[in-house]
PDB file of N, CA and C in Angstrom:
ATOM      1  N   MET A   1    -128.225  30.152 113.962  1.00  0.00           N
ATOM      2  CA  MET A   1    -127.526  28.937 114.247  1.00  0.00           C
ATOM      3  C   MET A   1    -128.856  27.824 114.927  1.00  0.00           C
ATOM      4  N   ARG A   2    -128.756  26.760 114.814  1.00  0.00           N
ATOM      5  CA  ARG A   2    -129.688  25.795 115.161  1.00  0.00           C
ATOM      6  C   ARG A   2    -129.400  25.456 116.490  1.00  0.00           C
ATOM      7  N   LYS A   3    -130.447  24.872 117.502  1.00  0.00           N
ATOM      8  CA  LYS A   3    -130.331  24.696 118.661  1.00  0.00           C
ATOM      9  C   LYS A   3    -129.239  23.541 118.894  1.00  0.00           C
ATOM     10  N   SER A   4    -129.334  22.441 117.893  1.00  0.00           N
ATOM     11  CA  SER A   4    -128.257  21.448 118.016  1.00  0.00           C
ATOM     12  C   SER A   4    -126.893  21.894 117.886  1.00  0.00           C
ATOM     13  N   ASP A   5    -126.593  22.974 116.963  1.00  0.00           N
ATOM     14  CA  ASP A   5    -125.431  23.552 116.787  1.00  0.00           C
ATOM     15  C   ASP A   5    -124.706  24.252 117.882  1.00  0.00           C
ATOM     16  N   VAL A   6    -125.722  24.832 118.703  1.00  0.00           N
ATOM     17  CA  VAL A   6    -125.324  25.563 119.826  1.00  0.00           C
ATOM     18  C   VAL A   6    -124.895  24.477 120.765  1.00  0.00           C
ATOM     19  N   ALA A   7    -125.561  23.472 121.183  1.00  0.00           N
ATOM     20  CA  ALA A   7    -125.141  22.448 121.947  1.00  0.00           C
ATOM     21  C   ALA A   7    -123.855  21.722 121.736  1.00  0.00           C
ATOM     22  N   HIS A   8    -123.631  21.520 120.323  1.00  0.00           N
ATOM     23  CA  HIS A   8    -122.301  21.014 119.775  1.00  0.00           C
ATOM     24  C   HIS A   8    -121.346  21.853 120.263  1.00  0.00           C
ATOM     25  N   GLU A   9    -121.292  23.312 120.054  1.00  0.00           N
ATOM     26  CA  GLU A   9    -120.414  24.298 120.473  1.00  0.00           C
ATOM     27  C   GLU A   9    -119.965  24.038 121.800  1.00  0.00           C
ATOM     28  N   HIS A  10    -121.133  24.268 122.527  1.00  0.00           N
ATOM     29  CA  HIS A  10    -121.013  23.982 124.030  1.00  0.00           C
ATOM     30  C   HIS A  10    -120.106  22.998 124.560  1.00  0.00           C
ATOM     31  N   THR A  11    -120.501  21.943 123.944  1.00  0.00           N
ATOM     32  CA  THR A  11    -119.728  20.765 124.297  1.00  0.00           C
ATOM     33  C   THR A  11    -118.165  20.681 123.850  1.00  0.00           C
ATOM     34  N   ARG A  12    -118.016  21.281 122.536  1.00  0.00           N
ATOM     35  CA  ARG A  12    -116.507  21.348 122.087  1.00  0.00           C
ATOM     36  C   ARG A  12    -115.898  22.381 122.924  1.00  0.00           C
ATOM     37  N   GLY A  13    -116.504  23.230 123.566  1.00  0.00           N
ATOM     38  CA  GLY A  13    -115.901  24.451 124.324  1.00  0.00           C
ATOM     39  C   GLY A  13    -115.531  23.684 125.427  1.00  0.00           C
ATOM     40  N   GLU A  14    -116.416  22.778 126.098  1.00  0.00           N
ATOM     41  CA  GLU A  14    -115.916  22.231 127.399  1.00  0.00           C
ATOM     42  C   GLU A  14    -114.728  21.203 127.236  1.00  0.00           C
ATOM     43  N   ASP A  15    -114.747  20.360 125.954  1.00  0.00           N
ATOM     44  CA  ASP A  15    -113.614  19.689 125.688  1.00  0.00           C
ATOM     45  C   ASP A  15    -112.214  20.310 125.756  1.00  0.00           C
ATOM     46  N   MET A  16    -112.436  21.539 124.805  1.00  0.00           N
ATOM     47  CA  MET A  16    -111.118  22.449 124.837  1.00  0.00           C
ATOM     48  C   MET A  16    -110.538  22.884 126.088  1.00  0.00           C
ATOM     49  N   LYS A  17    -111.454  23.185 127.202  1.00  0.00           N
ATOM     50  CA  LYS A  17    -110.987  23.589 128.346  1.00  0.00           C
ATOM     51  C   LYS A  17    -110.300  22.363 129.158  1.00  0.00           C
ATOM     52  N   GLU A  18    -110.856  21.142 129.186  1.00  0.00           N
ATOM     53  CA  GLU A  18    -110.348  20.105 129.730  1.00  0.00           C
ATOM     54  C   GLU A  18    -108.866  19.699 129.071  1.00  0.00           C
ATOM     55  N   ASP A  19    -108.918  19.897 127.762  1.00  0.00           N
ATOM     56  CA  ASP A  19    -107.518  19.609 126.988  1.00  0.00           C
ATOM     57  C   ASP A  19    -106.397  20.794 127.516  1.00  0.00           C
ATOM     58  N   THR A  20    -106.993  21.851 127.454  1.00  0.00           N
ATOM     59  CA  THR A  20    -106.159  23.055 127.938  1.00  0.00           C
ATOM     60  C   THR A  20    -105.475  22.763 129.296  1.00  0.00           C
ATOM     61  N   THR A  21    -106.545  22.456 130.226  1.00  0.00           N
ATOM     62  CA  THR A  21    -106.128  22.261 131.645  1.00  0.00           C
ATOM     63  C   THR A  21    -105.214  21.048 131.802  1.00  0.00           C
ATOM     64  N   GLU A  22    -105.300  19.895 130.985  1.00  0.00           N
ATOM     65  CA  GLU A  22    -104.531  18.819 131.055  1.00  0.00           C
ATOM     66  C   GLU A  22    -103.082  19.270 130.543  1.00  0.00           C
ATOM     67  N   SER A  23    -103.072  19.882 129.454  1.00  0.00           N
ATOM     68  CA  SER A  23    -101.619  20.346 128.720  1.00  0.00           C
ATOM     69  C   SER A  23    -101.030  21.350 129.547  1.00  0.00           C
ATOM     70  N   LEU A  24    -101.741  21.904 130.522  1.00  0.00           N
ATOM     71  CA  LEU A  24    -101.017  22.847 131.447  1.00  0.00           C
ATOM     72  C   LEU A  24    -100.399  22.226 132.607  1.00  0.00           C
ATOM     73  N   GLN A  25    -100.850  21.033 132.799  1.00  0.00           N
ATOM     74  CA  GLN A  25    -100.195  20.277 134.001  1.00  0.00           C
ATOM     75  C   GLN A  25     -98.639  19.818 133.599  1.00  0.00           C
ATOM     76  N   ALA A  26     -97.668  20.262 134.639  1.00  0.00           N
ATOM     77  CA  ALA A  26     -96.288  19.884 134.190  1.00  0.00           C
ATOM     78  C   ALA A  26     -96.165  18.322 134.562  1.00  0.00           C
ATOM     79  N   ARG A  27     -95.330  17.788 133.643  1.00  0.00           N
ATOM     80  CA  ARG A  27     -95.144  16.284 133.938  1.00  0.00           C
ATOM     81  C   ARG A  27     -94.023  16.085 134.913  1.00  0.00           C
ATOM     82  N   PRO A  28     -93.847  14.987 135.478  1.00  0.00           N
ATOM     83  CA  PRO A  28     -92.927  15.004 136.645  1.00  0.00           C
ATOM     84  C   PRO A  28     -91.635  15.222 136.113  1.00  0.00           C
ATOM     85  N   GLU A  29     -91.080  14.747 135.061  1.00  0.00           N
ATOM     86  CA  GLU A  29     -89.750  15.323 134.645  1.00  0.00           C
ATOM     87  C   GLU A  29     -89.451  16.802 134.477  1.00  0.00           C
ATOM     88  N   GLN A  30     -90.519  17.639 134.273  1.00  0.00           N
ATOM     89  CA  GLN A  30     -90.564  18.874 134.105  1.00  0.00           C
ATOM     90  C   GLN A  30     -90.507  19.436 135.432  1.00  0.00           C
ATOM     91  N   VAL A  31     -90.974  18.983 136.425  1.00  0.00           N
ATOM     92  CA  VAL A  31     -90.908  19.493 137.876  1.00  0.00           C
ATOM     93  C   VAL A  31     -89.644  19.114 138.367  1.00  0.00           C
ATOM     94  N   VAL A  32     -89.190  17.929 138.313  1.00  0.00           N
ATOM     95  CA  VAL A  32     -87.554  17.599 138.389  1.00  0.00           C
ATOM     96  C   VAL A  32     -86.824  18.564 138.032  1.00  0.00           C
ATOM     97  N   TYR A  33     -86.844  18.865 136.747  1.00  0.00           N
ATOM     98  CA  TYR A  33     -85.830  19.910 135.957  1.00  0.00           C
ATOM     99  C   TYR A  33     -85.902  21.297 136.534  1.00  0.00           C
ATOM    100  N   ALA A  34     -87.186  21.630 136.677  1.00  0.00           N
ATOM    101  CA  ALA A  34     -87.580  23.117 137.263  1.00  0.00           C
ATOM    102  C   ALA A  34     -86.848  23.086 138.724  1.00  0.00           C
ATOM    103  N   ASN A  35     -87.141  22.336 139.388  1.00  0.00           N
ATOM    104  CA  ASN A  35     -86.714  22.163 140.750  1.00  0.00           C
ATOM    105  C   ASN A  35     -84.953  22.352 140.867  1.00  0.00           C
ATOM    106  N   ILE A  36     -84.526  21.525 140.024  1.00  0.00           N
ATOM    107  CA  ILE A  36     -83.052  21.491 140.108  1.00  0.00           C
ATOM    108  C   ILE A  36     -82.465  22.970 139.478  1.00  0.00           C
ATOM    109  N   LEU A  37     -83.037  23.431 138.424  1.00  0.00           N
ATOM    110  CA  LEU A  37     -82.897  24.578 137.834  1.00  0.00           C
ATOM    111  C   LEU A  37     -82.804  25.833 138.770  1.00  0.00           C
ATOM    112  N   GLU A  38     -84.134  25.625 139.576  1.00  0.00           N
ATOM    113  CA  GLU A  38     -84.221  26.871 140.790  1.00  0.00           C
ATOM    114  C   GLU A  38     -83.138  26.666 141.547  1.00  0.00           C
ATOM    115  N   LYS A  39     -82.795  25.547 142.366  1.00  0.00           N
ATOM    116  CA  LYS A  39     -81.764  25.549 143.308  1.00  0.00           C
ATOM    117  C   LYS A  39     -80.426  25.884 142.803  1.00  0.00           C
ATOM    118  N   GLY A  40     -80.181  25.303 141.468  1.00  0.00           N
ATOM    119  CA  GLY A  40     -78.896  25.778 140.808  1.00  0.00           C
ATOM    120  C   GLY A  40     -78.735  26.998 140.361  1.00  0.00           C
ATOM    121  N   MET A  41     -79.715  27.815 140.059  1.00  0.00           N
ATOM    122  CA  MET A  41     -79.630  29.104 139.688  1.00  0.00           C
ATOM    123  C   MET A  41     -79.370  29.796 140.975  1.00  0.00           C
ATOM    124  N   LEU A  42     -80.205  29.809 142.159  1.00  0.00           N
ATOM    125  CA  LEU A  42     -79.864  30.331 143.479  1.00  0.00           C
ATOM    126  C   LEU A  42     -78.524  30.202 143.911  1.00  0.00           C
ATOM    127  N   PHE A  43     -77.957  28.848 143.816  1.00  0.00           N
ATOM    128  CA  PHE A  43     -76.797  28.691 144.172  1.00  0.00           C
ATOM    129  C   PHE A  43     -75.714  29.220 143.444  1.00  0.00           C
ATOM    130  N   GLY A  44     -75.792  29.253 142.189  1.00  0.00           N
ATOM    131  CA  GLY A  44     -74.950  30.045 141.132  1.00  0.00           C
ATOM    132  C   GLY A  44     -74.863  31.722 141.373  1.00  0.00           C
ATOM    133  N   LEU A  45     -76.089  32.178 141.761  1.00  0.00           N
ATOM    134  CA  LEU A  45     -76.250  33.521 141.728  1.00  0.00           C
ATOM    135  C   LEU A  45     -75.492  33.960 143.269  1.00  0.00           C
ATOM    136  N   LEU A  46     -75.636  33.308 144.104  1.00  0.00           N
ATOM    137  CA  LEU A  46     -74.974  33.540 145.484  1.00  0.00           C
ATOM    138  C   LEU A  46     -73.390  33.297 145.237  1.00  0.00           C
ATOM    139  N   LEU A  47     -73.112  32.354 144.627  1.00  0.00           N
ATOM    140  CA  LEU A  47     -71.765  32.079 144.201  1.00  0.00           C
ATOM    141  C   LEU A  47     -70.937  33.444 143.457  1.00  0.00           C
ATOM    142  N   VAL A  48     -71.788  33.838 142.481  1.00  0.00           N
ATOM    143  CA  VAL A  48     -71.327  35.000 141.740  1.00  0.00           C
ATOM    144  C   VAL A  48     -71.253  36.224 142.781  1.00  0.00           C
ATOM    145  N   LEU A  49     -72.121  36.300 143.449  1.00  0.00           N
ATOM    146  CA  LEU A  49     -72.162  37.375 144.471  1.00  0.00           C
ATOM    147  C   LEU A  49     -71.020  37.415 145.537  1.00  0.00           C
ATOM    148  N   ALA A  50     -70.779  35.979 145.956  1.00  0.00           N
ATOM    149  CA  ALA A  50     -69.738  36.011 146.844  1.00  0.00           C
ATOM    150  C   ALA A  50     -68.400  36.037 146.253  1.00  0.00           C
ATOM    151  N   THR A  51     -68.224  35.422 145.190  1.00  0.00           N
ATOM    152  CA  THR A  51     -66.825  35.756 144.579  1.00  0.00           C
ATOM    153  C   THR A  51     -66.624  37.253 143.875  1.00  0.00           C
ATOM    154  N   TYR A  52     -67.582  37.701 143.524  1.00  0.00           N
ATOM    155  CA  TYR A  52     -67.546  39.201 143.280  1.00  0.00           C
ATOM    156  C   TYR A  52     -67.164  39.969 144.369  1.00  0.00           C
ATOM    157  N   SER A  53     -67.677  39.712 145.617  1.00  0.00           N
ATOM    158  CA  SER A  53     -67.265  40.421 146.759  1.00  0.00           C
ATOM    159  C   SER A  53     -65.817  40.318 147.173  1.00  0.00           C
ATOM    160  N   VAL A  54     -65.533  39.035 147.049  1.00  0.00           N
ATOM    161  CA  VAL A  54     -64.026  38.828 147.117  1.00  0.00           C
ATOM    162  C   VAL A  54     -63.149  39.735 146.394  1.00  0.00           C
ATOM    163  N   TYR A  55     -63.620  39.614 145.105  1.00  0.00           N
ATOM    164  CA  TYR A  55     -62.888  40.620 144.164  1.00  0.00           C
ATOM    165  C   TYR A  55     -62.937  41.877 144.505  1.00  0.00           C
ATOM    166  N   MET A  56     -63.993  42.657 144.690  1.00  0.00           N
ATOM    167  CA  MET A  56     -64.141  43.895 145.030  1.00  0.00           C
ATOM    168  C   MET A  56     -63.531  44.488 146.410  1.00  0.00           C
ATOM    169  N   LEU A  57     -63.617  43.430 147.235  1.00  0.00           N
ATOM    170  CA  LEU A  57     -62.943  43.744 148.683  1.00  0.00           C
ATOM    171  C   LEU A  57     -61.469  43.678 148.637  1.00  0.00           C
ATOM    172  N   GLY A  58     -61.072  43.136 147.517  1.00  0.00           N
ATOM    173  CA  GLY A  58     -59.503  43.001 147.336  1.00  0.00           C
ATOM    174  C   GLY A  58     -58.817  41.848 148.323  1.00  0.00           C
ATOM    175  N   ILE A  59     -59.628  40.890 148.666  1.00  0.00           N
ATOM    176  CA  ILE A  59     -59.365  39.780 149.484  1.00  0.00           C
ATOM    177  C   ILE A  59     -58.205  39.041 148.701  1.00  0.00           C
ATOM    178  N   LEU A  60     -58.517  38.830 147.359  1.00  0.00           N
ATOM    179  CA  LEU A  60     -57.493  37.978 146.384  1.00  0.00           C
ATOM    180  C   LEU A  60     -56.984  39.056 145.508  1.00  0.00           C
ATOM    181  N   LYS A  61     -55.744  39.091 145.204  1.00  0.00           N
ATOM    182  CA  LYS A  61     -55.099  39.933 144.140  1.00  0.00           C
ATOM    183  C   LYS A  61     -55.659  39.557 142.852  1.00  0.00           C
ATOM    184  N   PRO A  62     -55.981  40.713 142.217  1.00  0.00           N
ATOM    185  CA  PRO A  62     -56.461  40.245 140.621  1.00  0.00           C
ATOM    186  C   PRO A  62     -55.260  39.899 139.815  1.00  0.00           C
ATOM    187  N   PHE A  63     -55.450  39.203 138.884  1.00  0.00           N
ATOM    188  CA  PHE A  63     -54.422  39.032 137.878  1.00  0.00           C
ATOM    189  C   PHE A  63     -54.141  40.149 136.984  1.00  0.00           C
ATOM    190  N   VAL A  64     -55.399  40.812 136.661  1.00  0.00           N
ATOM    191  CA  VAL A  64     -55.050  42.115 135.905  1.00  0.00           C
ATOM    192  C   VAL A  64     -55.294  43.335 136.729  1.00  0.00           C
ATOM    193  N   PRO A  65     -54.167  44.014 136.976  1.00  0.00           N
ATOM    194  CA  PRO A  65     -54.228  45.055 138.093  1.00  0.00           C
ATOM    195  C   PRO A  65     -55.289  46.098 137.640  1.00  0.00           C
ATOM    196  N   MET A  66     -55.935  46.745 138.656  1.00  0.00           N
ATOM    197  CA  MET A  66     -56.933  47.754 138.486  1.00  0.00           C
ATOM    198  C   MET A  66     -56.496  48.759 137.723  1.00  0.00           C
ATOM    199  N   GLU A  67     -55.435  49.305 137.581  1.00  0.00           N
ATOM    200  CA  GLU A  67     -54.871  50.366 136.800  1.00  0.00           C
ATOM    201  C   GLU A  67     -54.825  50.018 135.311  1.00  0.00           C
ATOM    202  N   GLU A  68     -54.775  48.656 134.965  1.00  0.00           N
ATOM    203  CA  GLU A  68     -54.802  48.359 133.812  1.00  0.00           C
ATOM    204  C   GLU A  68     -56.067  47.768 133.142  1.00  0.00           C
ATOM    205  N   ILE A  69     -57.129  47.839 133.979  1.00  0.00           N
ATOM    206  CA  ILE A  69     -58.376  47.389 133.525  1.00  0.00           C
ATOM    207  C   ILE A  69     -59.031  48.472 132.564  1.00  0.00           C
ATOM    208  N   THR A  70     -58.908  49.698 132.875  1.00  0.00           N
ATOM    209  CA  THR A  70     -59.310  50.726 131.937  1.00  0.00           C
ATOM    210  C   THR A  70     -58.733  50.941 130.626  1.00  0.00           C
ATOM    211  N   LYS A  71     -57.502  50.485 130.678  1.00  0.00           N
ATOM    212  CA  LYS A  71     -56.763  50.421 129.301  1.00  0.00           C
ATOM    213  C   LYS A  71     -57.255  49.258 128.358  1.00  0.00           C
ATOM    214  N   CYS A  72     -57.739  48.386 129.104  1.00  0.00           N
ATOM    215  CA  CYS A  72     -58.256  47.240 128.236  1.00  0.00           C
ATOM    216  C   CYS A  72     -59.564  47.127 127.797  1.00  0.00           C
ATOM    217  N   TRP A  73     -60.376  48.285 128.322  1.00  0.00           N
ATOM    218  CA  TRP A  73     -61.663  48.448 127.995  1.00  0.00           C
ATOM    219  C   TRP A  73     -61.979  48.377 126.486  1.00  0.00           C
ATOM    220  N   ARG A  74     -61.042  49.234 125.831  1.00  0.00           N
ATOM    221  CA  ARG A  74     -61.363  49.640 124.391  1.00  0.00           C
ATOM    222  C   ARG A  74     -60.776  48.306 123.332  1.00  0.00           C
ATOM    223  N   MET A  75     -60.171  47.373 123.944  1.00  0.00           N
ATOM    224  CA  MET A  75     -59.714  46.397 123.237  1.00  0.00           C
ATOM    225  C   MET A  75     -60.695  45.262 122.862  1.00  0.00           C
ATOM    226  N   ASN A  76     -60.330  44.678 121.659  1.00  0.00           N
ATOM    227  CA  ASN A  76     -61.091  43.565 121.294  1.00  0.00           C
ATOM    228  C   ASN A  76     -60.485  42.436 122.185  1.00  0.00           C
ATOM    229  N   VAL A  77     -61.284  41.160 121.933  1.00  0.00           N
ATOM    230  CA  VAL A  77     -61.051  40.197 122.900  1.00  0.00           C
ATOM    231  C   VAL A  77     -59.334  39.616 122.598  1.00  0.00           C
ATOM    232  N   HIS A  78     -59.149  39.477 121.362  1.00  0.00           N
ATOM    233  CA  HIS A  78     -57.807  39.090 121.047  1.00  0.00           C
ATOM    234  C   HIS A  78     -56.788  39.979 121.717  1.00  0.00           C
ATOM    235  N   ASP A  79     -56.800  41.273 121.433  1.00  0.00           N
ATOM    236  CA  ASP A  79     -55.897  42.215 121.921  1.00  0.00           C
ATOM    237  C   ASP A  79     -55.746  42.312 123.448  1.00  0.00           C
ATOM    238  N   TYR A  80     -56.971  42.135 124.076  1.00  0.00           N
ATOM    239  CA  TYR A  80     -57.003  41.925 125.727  1.00  0.00           C
ATOM    240  C   TYR A  80     -56.304  40.847 126.018  1.00  0.00           C
ATOM    241  N   LEU A  81     -56.473  39.669 125.528  1.00  0.00           N
ATOM    242  CA  LEU A  81     -55.834  38.412 126.012  1.00  0.00           C
ATOM    243  C   LEU A  81     -54.402  38.494 125.653  1.00  0.00           C
ATOM    244  N   ASP A  82     -54.015  39.080 124.450  1.00  0.00           N
ATOM    245  CA  ASP A  82     -52.613  39.139 124.366  1.00  0.00           C
ATOM    246  C   ASP A  82     -51.914  40.136 125.332  1.00  0.00           C
ATOM    247  N   HIS A  83     -52.657  41.266 125.588  1.00  0.00           N
ATOM    248  CA  HIS A  83     -51.954  42.208 126.459  1.00  0.00           C
ATOM    249  C   HIS A  83     -51.946  41.826 127.629  1.00  0.00           C
ATOM    250  N   CYS A  84     -52.757  40.970 128.243  1.00  0.00           N
ATOM    251  CA  CYS A  84     -52.854  40.632 129.645  1.00  0.00           C
ATOM    252  C   CYS A  84     -52.023  39.184 129.864  1.00  0.00           C
ATOM    253  N   SER A  85     -51.434  38.683 128.707  1.00  0.00           N
ATOM    254  CA  SER A  85     -50.988  37.229 128.857  1.00  0.00           C
ATOM    255  C   SER A  85     -51.881  36.159 129.331  1.00  0.00           C
ATOM    256  N   ILE A  86     -53.051  36.219 128.740  1.00  0.00           N
ATOM    257  CA  ILE A  86     -53.985  35.164 129.094  1.00  0.00           C
ATOM    258  C   ILE A  86     -54.415  34.498 127.880  1.00  0.00           C
ATOM    259  N   LYS A  87     -54.279  33.047 128.257  1.00  0.00           N
ATOM    260  CA  LYS A  87     -54.724  32.026 127.060  1.00  0.00           C
ATOM    261  C   LYS A  87     -56.104  31.958 127.167  1.00  0.00           C
ATOM    262  N   ALA A  88     -56.694  31.857 125.757  1.00  0.00           N
ATOM    263  CA  ALA A  88     -58.019  31.756 125.426  1.00  0.00           C
ATOM    264  C   ALA A  88     -58.595  30.287 125.915  1.00  0.00           C
ATOM    265  N   GLY A  89     -59.871  30.182 125.930  1.00  0.00           N
ATOM    266  CA  GLY A  89     -60.696  28.792 126.192  1.00  0.00           C
ATOM    267  C   GLY A  89     -60.493  28.625 127.867  1.00  0.00           C
ATOM    268  N   TRP A  90     -60.285  27.437 128.186  1.00  0.00           N
ATOM    269  CA  TRP A  90     -60.474  27.053 129.720  1.00  0.00           C
ATOM    270  C   TRP A  90     -59.322  27.295 130.400  1.00  0.00           C
ATOM    271  N   ALA A  91     -58.441  28.265 129.950  1.00  0.00           N
ATOM    272  CA  ALA A  91     -57.176  28.494 130.635  1.00  0.00           C
ATOM    273  C   ALA A  91     -57.564  29.434 131.962  1.00  0.00           C
ATOM    274  N   TRP A  92     -58.686  30.009 131.959  1.00  0.00           N
ATOM    275  CA  TRP A  92     -59.120  30.578 133.094  1.00  0.00           C
ATOM    276  C   TRP A  92     -59.318  29.843 134.371  1.00  0.00           C
ATOM    277  N   VAL A  93     -59.384  28.409 134.208  1.00  0.00           N
ATOM    278  CA  VAL A  93     -59.444  27.590 135.298  1.00  0.00           C
ATOM    279  C   VAL A  93     -58.300  27.563 136.078  1.00  0.00           C
ATOM    280  N   SER A  94     -57.063  27.747 135.400  1.00  0.00           N
ATOM    281  CA  SER A  94     -55.822  27.660 136.362  1.00  0.00           C
ATOM    282  C   SER A  94     -55.632  28.981 137.044  1.00  0.00           C
ATOM    283  N   LEU A  95     -56.517  30.182 136.786  1.00  0.00           N
ATOM    284  CA  LEU A  95     -56.446  31.605 137.271  1.00  0.00           C
ATOM    285  C   LEU A  95     -57.364  31.692 138.412  1.00  0.00           C
ATOM    286  N   VAL A  96     -58.101  30.792 138.729  1.00  0.00           N
ATOM    287  CA  VAL A  96     -59.142  31.131 139.868  1.00  0.00           C
ATOM    288  C   VAL A  96     -58.678  31.500 141.061  1.00  0.00           C
ATOM    289  N   GLY A  97     -57.253  31.639 141.355  1.00  0.00           N
ATOM    290  CA  GLY A  97     -56.661  31.774 142.391  1.00  0.00           C
ATOM    291  C   GLY A  97     -56.618  33.427 142.573  1.00  0.00           C
ATOM    292  N   TYR A  98     -56.768  34.032 141.486  1.00  0.00           N
ATOM    293  CA  TYR A  98     -56.916  35.488 141.308  1.00  0.00           C
ATOM    294  C   TYR A  98     -58.336  36.047 141.413  1.00  0.00           C
ATOM    295  N   GLY A  99     -58.479  37.129 141.972  1.00  0.00           N
ATOM    296  CA  GLY A  99     -59.994  37.732 142.378  1.00  0.00           C
ATOM    297  C   GLY A  99     -60.681  37.861 141.096  1.00  0.00           C
ATOM    298  N   ASP A 100     -59.804  38.250 140.005  1.00  0.00           N
ATOM    299  CA  ASP A 100     -60.758  38.661 139.023  1.00  0.00           C
ATOM    300  C   ASP A 100     -61.238  37.467 138.003  1.00  0.00           C
ATOM    301  N   PHE A 101     -60.879  36.296 138.322  1.00  0.00           N
ATOM    302  CA  PHE A 101     -61.143  35.043 137.680  1.00  0.00           C
ATOM    303  C   PHE A 101     -61.871  34.211 138.415  1.00  0.00           C
ATOM    304  N   LEU A 102     -61.804  34.382 139.826  1.00  0.00           N
ATOM    305  CA  LEU A 102     -62.574  33.615 140.794  1.00  0.00           C
ATOM    306  C   LEU A 102     -64.119  33.768 140.366  1.00  0.00           C
ATOM    307  N   ASN A 103     -64.596  34.789 140.020  1.00  0.00           N
ATOM    308  CA  ASN A 103     -65.948  34.827 139.858  1.00  0.00           C
ATOM    309  C   ASN A 103     -66.426  34.197 138.396  1.00  0.00           C
ATOM    310  N   PHE A 104     -65.412  33.715 137.728  1.00  0.00           N
ATOM    311  CA  PHE A 104     -65.916  32.815 136.564  1.00  0.00           C
ATOM    312  C   PHE A 104     -66.516  31.460 137.120  1.00  0.00           C
ATOM    313  N   ILE A 105     -66.265  31.075 138.399  1.00  0.00           N
ATOM    314  CA  ILE A 105     -66.699  29.708 138.877  1.00  0.00           C
ATOM    315  C   ILE A 105     -68.226  30.037 138.927  1.00  0.00           C
ATOM    316  N   GLY A 106     -68.696  30.989 139.551  1.00  0.00           N
ATOM    317  CA  GLY A 106     -70.196  31.113 139.568  1.00  0.00           C
ATOM    318  C   GLY A 106     -70.822  31.213 138.294  1.00  0.00           C
ATOM    319  N   ILE A 107     -70.187  31.826 137.179  1.00  0.00           N
ATOM    320  CA  ILE A 107     -70.810  32.167 135.875  1.00  0.00           C
ATOM    321  C   ILE A 107     -70.687  30.654 135.272  1.00  0.00           C
ATOM    322  N   ALA A 108     -69.735  30.010 135.456  1.00  0.00           N
ATOM    323  CA  ALA A 108     -69.711  28.497 134.906  1.00  0.00           C
ATOM    324  C   ALA A 108     -70.709  27.848 135.641  1.00  0.00           C
ATOM    325  N   THR A 109     -71.038  27.789 136.609  1.00  0.00           N
ATOM    326  CA  THR A 109     -71.994  27.139 137.507  1.00  0.00           C
ATOM    327  C   THR A 109     -73.584  27.421 136.784  1.00  0.00           C
ATOM    328  N   LEU A 110     -73.740  28.772 136.558  1.00  0.00           N
ATOM    329  CA  LEU A 110     -74.873  29.165 135.957  1.00  0.00           C
ATOM    330  C   LEU A 110     -74.998  28.604 134.507  1.00  0.00           C
ATOM    331  N   ALA A 111     -73.908  28.791 133.858  1.00  0.00           N
ATOM    332  CA  ALA A 111     -74.101  28.104 132.416  1.00  0.00           C
ATOM    333  C   ALA A 111     -74.344  26.716 132.435  1.00  0.00           C
ATOM    334  N   GLY A 112     -73.719  26.029 133.432  1.00  0.00           N
ATOM    335  CA  GLY A 112     -73.639  24.553 133.313  1.00  0.00           C
ATOM    336  C   GLY A 112     -74.748  23.956 134.014  1.00  0.00           C
ATOM    337  N   ILE A 113     -75.534  24.518 134.845  1.00  0.00           N
ATOM    338  CA  ILE A 113     -76.726  24.088 135.602  1.00  0.00           C
ATOM    339  C   ILE A 113     -77.538  23.392 134.694  1.00  0.00           C
ATOM    340  N   THR A 114     -77.817  23.645 133.446  1.00  0.00           N
ATOM    341  CA  THR A 114     -78.697  22.958 132.593  1.00  0.00           C
ATOM    342  C   THR A 114     -78.236  21.674 132.222  1.00  0.00           C
ATOM    343  N   ILE A 115     -76.736  21.489 132.080  1.00  0.00           N
ATOM    344  CA  ILE A 115     -76.585  20.003 131.762  1.00  0.00           C
ATOM    345  C   ILE A 115     -76.941  19.310 132.908  1.00  0.00           C
ATOM    346  N   ILE A 116     -76.794  19.460 134.170  1.00  0.00           N
ATOM    347  CA  ILE A 116     -77.185  18.848 135.519  1.00  0.00           C
ATOM    348  C   ILE A 116     -78.817  18.519 135.416  1.00  0.00           C
ATOM    349  N   CYS A 117     -79.424  19.655 135.080  1.00  0.00           N
ATOM    350  CA  CYS A 117     -81.006  19.300 134.812  1.00  0.00           C
ATOM    351  C   CYS A 117     -81.169  18.146 133.691  1.00  0.00           C
ATOM    352  N   PHE A 118     -80.559  18.208 132.578  1.00  0.00           N
ATOM    353  CA  PHE A 118     -80.915  17.268 131.710  1.00  0.00           C
ATOM    354  C   PHE A 118     -80.308  15.789 131.925  1.00  0.00           C
ATOM    355  N   VAL A 119     -79.300  15.757 132.652  1.00  0.00           N
ATOM    356  CA  VAL A 119     -78.878  14.615 133.266  1.00  0.00           C
ATOM    357  C   VAL A 119     -79.894  13.991 134.060  1.00  0.00           C
ATOM    358  N   SER A 120     -80.414  14.739 135.046  1.00  0.00           N
ATOM    359  CA  SER A 120     -81.448  14.416 135.944  1.00  0.00           C
ATOM    360  C   SER A 120     -82.437  13.655 135.606  1.00  0.00           C
ATOM    361  N   ILE A 121     -82.949  14.111 134.328  1.00  0.00           N
ATOM    362  CA  ILE A 121     -84.197  13.500 133.941  1.00  0.00           C
ATOM    363  C   ILE A 121     -83.967  12.579 132.608  1.00  0.00           C
ATOM    364  N   VAL A 122     -82.877  12.130 132.463  1.00  0.00           N
ATOM    365  CA  VAL A 122     -82.538  11.030 131.448  1.00  0.00           C
ATOM    366  C   VAL A 122     -82.624   9.835 131.912  1.00  0.00           C
TER     367      VAL A 122
END
């Protein structure tokens, strides 16, 4: 390798480092997205923990009694919904007054936080 080739390789290496450093910098909208996602995730997680605690402590009566839960474990979704008289889809929203459906609020929050993130950067 000639001396001029070595100098050229050295310069190209420095350019690559600069390009990499610049490409690793988060753009402002990425930072906004990440900040909202972090706060939403923490809020959703706390909500899941709080609502699950309400369920486990028996503060709210469950829709499906604890004695029935183990019978339902082997059922597929269709049979479970039919056995427990639960409608599919968003019907759970009308059941959030029951301890076993209350925790769906935290799960829906975690699932939906990405939508809020996207809307915030549009």
